[in-house]
Amino acid sequence: MEKKKAMKRFMGLLICGAFIMLISGCSSNPKVSRVDAGTQTDLSGYWNDTDVRIVCDSLIKACLDSPRVVQATAQLGRLPRVLVGSFKNDSDEHIDTSIIASTMEVAIFNSGKADFVAGGDTRSELRAERQDQQGNASEDSAAALGNETGADFLLTGSVKTIIDGAGNTATRTYFVSAEMTNIETNSRLWMDQNSEIKKVIQRPKAKL
């Protein structure tokens, strides 16, 4: 009889202990540490901020140093005006390609070798605002219609991946391409591809 009571008390203590550990584990705060923005981090093996920096630095330099871009700028007699179009995600994972597009836009603009005109959602908002001003702003302060600055070239691109795997090891290679096209003639002014990002991912073996 005493053995049964002792066993019940022991089991009760075990259950209480497990419950306390579960509650404390659920309520514990995550450990957070700050690192330098330039620190290379690879936690999941997927596309990350380090990859954006490597790819954009490479493609921007290739674009600005392209003899065709330099020649086109000289023929215009002014800074070329560039419109950033879409960078398509044709990879097997979720990649916010707008970060690639905006990173390239900022870097090229800050180089002083090109001007950019608004496109996409920004252009739509500007057009809506100008239209709204026609009926709601004073005549002398309303922005005029039909005075947009046209772009000379369109910058577009895409991201693709190739995956090779065997067992618990997989290789992910990213191919990021970018193209500059003459809007008036549809002729390709510049194009390049970066395939520097290649990752070998080893997953732990499942325990039996």
Protein backbone atom coordinates (compact mmCIF):
# COMPACT_ATOMS: atom_id res chain seq x y z
CA MET A 1 0.00 0.00 0.00
CA GLU A 2 2.79 2.40 0.99
CA LYS A 3 4.63 1.50 -2.22
CA LYS A 4 1.58 2.48 -4.32
CA LYS A 5 1.23 5.82 -2.50
CA ALA A 6 4.94 6.55 -2.95
CA MET A 7 4.69 5.69 -6.64
CA LYS A 8 1.70 8.02 -7.09
CA ARG A 9 3.54 10.87 -5.35
CA PHE A 10 6.58 10.28 -7.57
CA MET A 11 4.49 10.27 -10.74
CA GLY A 12 2.72 13.44 -9.61
CA LEU A 13 6.04 15.19 -9.07
CA LEU A 14 7.23 14.10 -12.51
CA ILE A 15 4.08 15.44 -14.19
CA CYS A 16 4.30 18.74 -12.30
CA GLY A 17 7.96 19.11 -13.23
CA ALA A 18 7.28 18.43 -16.90
CA PHE A 19 4.41 20.93 -16.88
CA ILE A 20 6.58 23.63 -15.27
CA MET A 21 9.34 23.04 -17.83
CA LEU A 22 6.81 23.26 -20.67
CA ILE A 23 5.37 26.55 -19.37
CA SER A 24 8.79 28.11 -18.77
CA GLY A 25 9.94 27.00 -22.24
CA CYS A 26 6.92 28.58 -23.93
CA SER A 27 7.26 31.86 -22.08
CA SER A 28 11.04 32.26 -22.47
CA ASN A 29 12.23 35.15 -24.62
CA PRO A 30 14.42 34.51 -27.69
CA LYS A 31 18.09 35.40 -27.49
CA VAL A 32 18.80 38.39 -29.76
CA SER A 33 22.21 39.81 -30.63
CA ARG A 34 23.17 42.61 -33.01
CA VAL A 35 25.82 42.17 -35.71
CA ASP A 36 27.39 44.49 -38.25
CA ALA A 37 25.24 44.90 -41.37
CA GLY A 38 28.14 43.66 -43.50
CA THR A 39 28.49 40.40 -41.57
CA GLN A 40 28.03 37.31 -43.74
CA THR A 41 25.32 35.05 -42.35
CA ASP A 42 24.11 31.74 -43.76
CA LEU A 43 21.58 30.09 -41.48
CA SER A 44 19.08 28.35 -43.74
CA GLY A 45 21.05 27.94 -46.95
CA TYR A 46 18.56 30.08 -48.84
CA TRP A 47 18.89 33.53 -50.46
CA ASN A 48 19.87 36.26 -47.97
CA ASP A 49 21.18 39.83 -47.64
CA THR A 50 24.80 38.81 -48.25
CA ASP A 51 23.80 37.35 -51.61
CA VAL A 52 22.04 40.60 -52.56
CA ARG A 53 25.20 42.62 -51.85
CA ILE A 54 27.49 40.27 -53.80
CA VAL A 55 25.22 40.06 -56.85
CA CYS A 56 24.31 43.76 -57.03
CA ASP A 57 27.90 44.94 -56.59
CA SER A 58 29.00 42.70 -59.45
CA LEU A 59 26.18 43.58 -61.86
CA ILE A 60 26.26 47.32 -61.14
CA LYS A 61 29.99 47.50 -61.85
CA ALA A 62 29.52 45.54 -65.08
CA CYS A 63 26.70 47.87 -66.17
CA LEU A 64 28.51 51.13 -65.43
CA ASP A 65 31.76 49.92 -67.03
CA SER A 66 30.03 48.61 -70.17
CA PRO A 67 31.42 50.26 -73.33
CA ARG A 68 27.91 50.31 -74.82
CA VAL A 69 26.50 52.22 -71.82
CA VAL A 70 29.39 54.70 -71.97
CA GLN A 71 28.88 55.16 -75.71
CA ALA A 72 25.10 55.62 -75.36
CA THR A 73 25.63 58.28 -72.68
CA ALA A 74 28.03 60.15 -74.95
CA GLN A 75 25.55 60.03 -77.84
CA LEU A 76 22.75 61.42 -75.67
CA GLY A 77 24.93 64.28 -74.50
CA ARG A 78 23.40 63.99 -71.03
CA LEU A 79 22.86 61.42 -68.30
CA PRO A 80 20.69 58.55 -69.54
CA ARG A 81 17.30 58.24 -67.87
CA VAL A 82 16.61 54.71 -66.65
CA LEU A 83 13.33 53.08 -65.66
CA VAL A 84 13.60 50.05 -63.37
CA GLY A 85 11.19 47.35 -64.46
CA SER A 86 10.48 43.96 -62.93
CA PHE A 87 13.05 41.46 -61.66
CA LYS A 88 11.28 38.11 -62.00
CA ASN A 89 11.69 35.38 -59.43
CA ASP A 90 12.01 32.16 -61.44
CA SER A 91 13.70 30.29 -58.58
CA ASP A 92 12.22 27.54 -56.42
CA GLU A 93 12.04 29.72 -53.28
CA HIS A 94 10.48 32.98 -52.16
CA ILE A 95 12.81 35.88 -53.06
CA ASP A 96 11.77 39.52 -52.75
CA THR A 97 13.30 40.69 -56.03
CA SER A 98 12.21 44.28 -55.38
CA ILE A 99 15.20 44.47 -53.00
CA ILE A 100 17.54 43.58 -55.88
CA ALA A 101 15.92 46.17 -58.14
CA SER A 102 16.01 48.97 -55.55
CA THR A 103 19.60 48.16 -54.52
CA MET A 104 20.76 48.45 -58.13
CA GLU A 105 18.75 51.62 -58.66
CA VAL A 106 20.23 53.35 -55.60
CA ALA A 107 23.80 52.35 -56.45
CA ILE A 108 23.62 53.43 -60.10
CA PHE A 109 21.89 56.69 -59.18
CA ASN A 110 24.49 57.47 -56.50
CA SER A 111 27.26 56.82 -59.01
CA GLY A 112 26.19 59.99 -60.84
CA LYS A 113 26.20 58.15 -64.18
CA ALA A 114 22.44 57.88 -64.70
CA ASP A 115 19.11 59.41 -63.71
CA PHE A 116 16.04 57.38 -62.90
CA VAL A 117 12.35 58.01 -63.55
CA ALA A 118 9.58 56.61 -61.39
CA GLY A 119 7.79 53.48 -62.49
CA GLY A 120 5.38 50.88 -61.14
CA ASP A 121 3.26 51.80 -58.11
CA THR A 122 5.11 55.09 -57.58
CA ARG A 123 4.28 56.27 -61.10
CA SER A 124 0.65 55.28 -60.65
CA GLU A 125 0.42 57.24 -57.40
CA LEU A 126 2.01 60.30 -59.01
CA ARG A 127 -0.42 60.18 -61.93
CA ALA A 128 -3.37 59.80 -59.57
CA GLU A 129 -2.16 62.78 -57.52
CA ARG A 130 -1.73 64.98 -60.62
CA GLN A 131 -5.20 64.05 -61.79
CA ASP A 132 -6.64 64.81 -58.35
CA GLN A 133 -4.97 68.22 -58.32
CA GLN A 134 -6.76 69.23 -61.51
CA GLY A 135 -10.05 69.53 -59.65
CA ASN A 136 -8.90 70.19 -56.09
CA ALA A 137 -5.77 72.38 -56.21
CA SER A 138 -5.56 76.03 -57.23
CA GLU A 139 -4.80 76.65 -60.89
CA ASP A 140 -1.40 78.18 -60.23
CA SER A 141 -0.25 75.34 -57.92
CA ALA A 142 -1.70 72.28 -59.70
CA ALA A 143 0.88 70.08 -61.43
CA ALA A 144 0.36 70.08 -65.19
CA LEU A 145 -0.55 66.91 -67.07
CA GLY A 146 1.55 65.52 -69.90
CA ASN A 147 4.89 66.77 -68.60
CA GLU A 148 6.41 63.49 -67.45
CA THR A 149 10.09 62.88 -68.18
CA GLY A 150 10.44 59.89 -70.47
CA ALA A 151 12.99 57.16 -69.83
CA ASP A 152 15.67 56.18 -72.34
CA PHE A 153 16.40 52.69 -71.05
CA LEU A 154 14.59 49.94 -69.14
CA LEU A 155 16.44 47.84 -66.54
CA THR A 156 14.99 44.35 -65.94
CA GLY A 157 16.22 40.99 -64.71
CA SER A 158 15.48 37.62 -63.16
CA VAL A 159 16.64 35.10 -60.56
CA LYS A 160 16.89 31.37 -61.30
CA THR A 161 18.21 28.44 -59.29
CA ILE A 162 19.72 25.06 -60.09
CA ILE A 163 19.56 22.43 -57.35
CA ASP A 164 21.61 19.24 -57.25
CA GLY A 165 21.39 16.83 -54.35
CA ALA A 166 22.28 13.37 -53.10
CA GLY A 167 21.41 11.96 -49.69
CA ASN A 168 21.59 14.68 -47.05
CA THR A 169 23.72 17.04 -49.18
CA ALA A 170 22.37 19.55 -51.69
CA THR A 171 23.91 22.28 -53.83
CA ARG A 172 22.01 25.48 -54.66
CA THR A 173 23.36 27.73 -57.44
CA TYR A 174 21.75 31.11 -58.14
CA PHE A 175 21.77 32.73 -61.58
CA VAL A 176 20.88 36.43 -61.45
CA SER A 177 20.64 38.22 -64.79
CA ALA A 178 20.10 41.88 -65.60
CA GLU A 179 19.45 43.66 -68.92
CA MET A 180 19.30 47.28 -70.08
CA THR A 181 17.08 47.84 -73.13
CA ASN A 182 16.58 50.92 -75.32
CA ILE A 183 12.89 51.76 -74.88
CA GLU A 184 12.53 53.42 -78.28
CA THR A 185 14.26 50.79 -80.39
CA ASN A 186 13.97 47.62 -78.23
CA SER A 187 17.69 47.04 -78.81
CA ARG A 188 19.63 45.50 -75.94
CA LEU A 189 22.17 47.97 -74.59
CA TRP A 190 23.73 45.77 -71.91
CA MET A 191 23.22 42.37 -70.33
CA ASP A 192 25.09 40.25 -67.83
CA GLN A 193 24.63 37.32 -65.46
CA ASN A 194 26.01 36.59 -62.01
CA SER A 195 26.39 32.96 -60.90
CA GLU A 196 28.79 33.50 -57.99
CA ILE A 197 26.29 32.36 -55.35
CA LYS A 198 26.69 28.61 -54.86
CA LYS A 199 25.88 26.92 -51.55
CA VAL A 200 26.47 23.39 -50.31
CA ILE A 201 23.90 22.46 -47.66
CA GLN A 202 24.29 19.43 -45.44
CA ARG A 203 21.25 18.38 -43.44
CA PRO A 204 21.61 16.23 -40.30
CA LYS A 205 20.71 12.59 -40.71
CA ALA A 206 17.37 11.55 -39.30
CA LYS A 207 17.63 9.59 -36.07
CA LEU A 208 15.96 6.20 -36.05
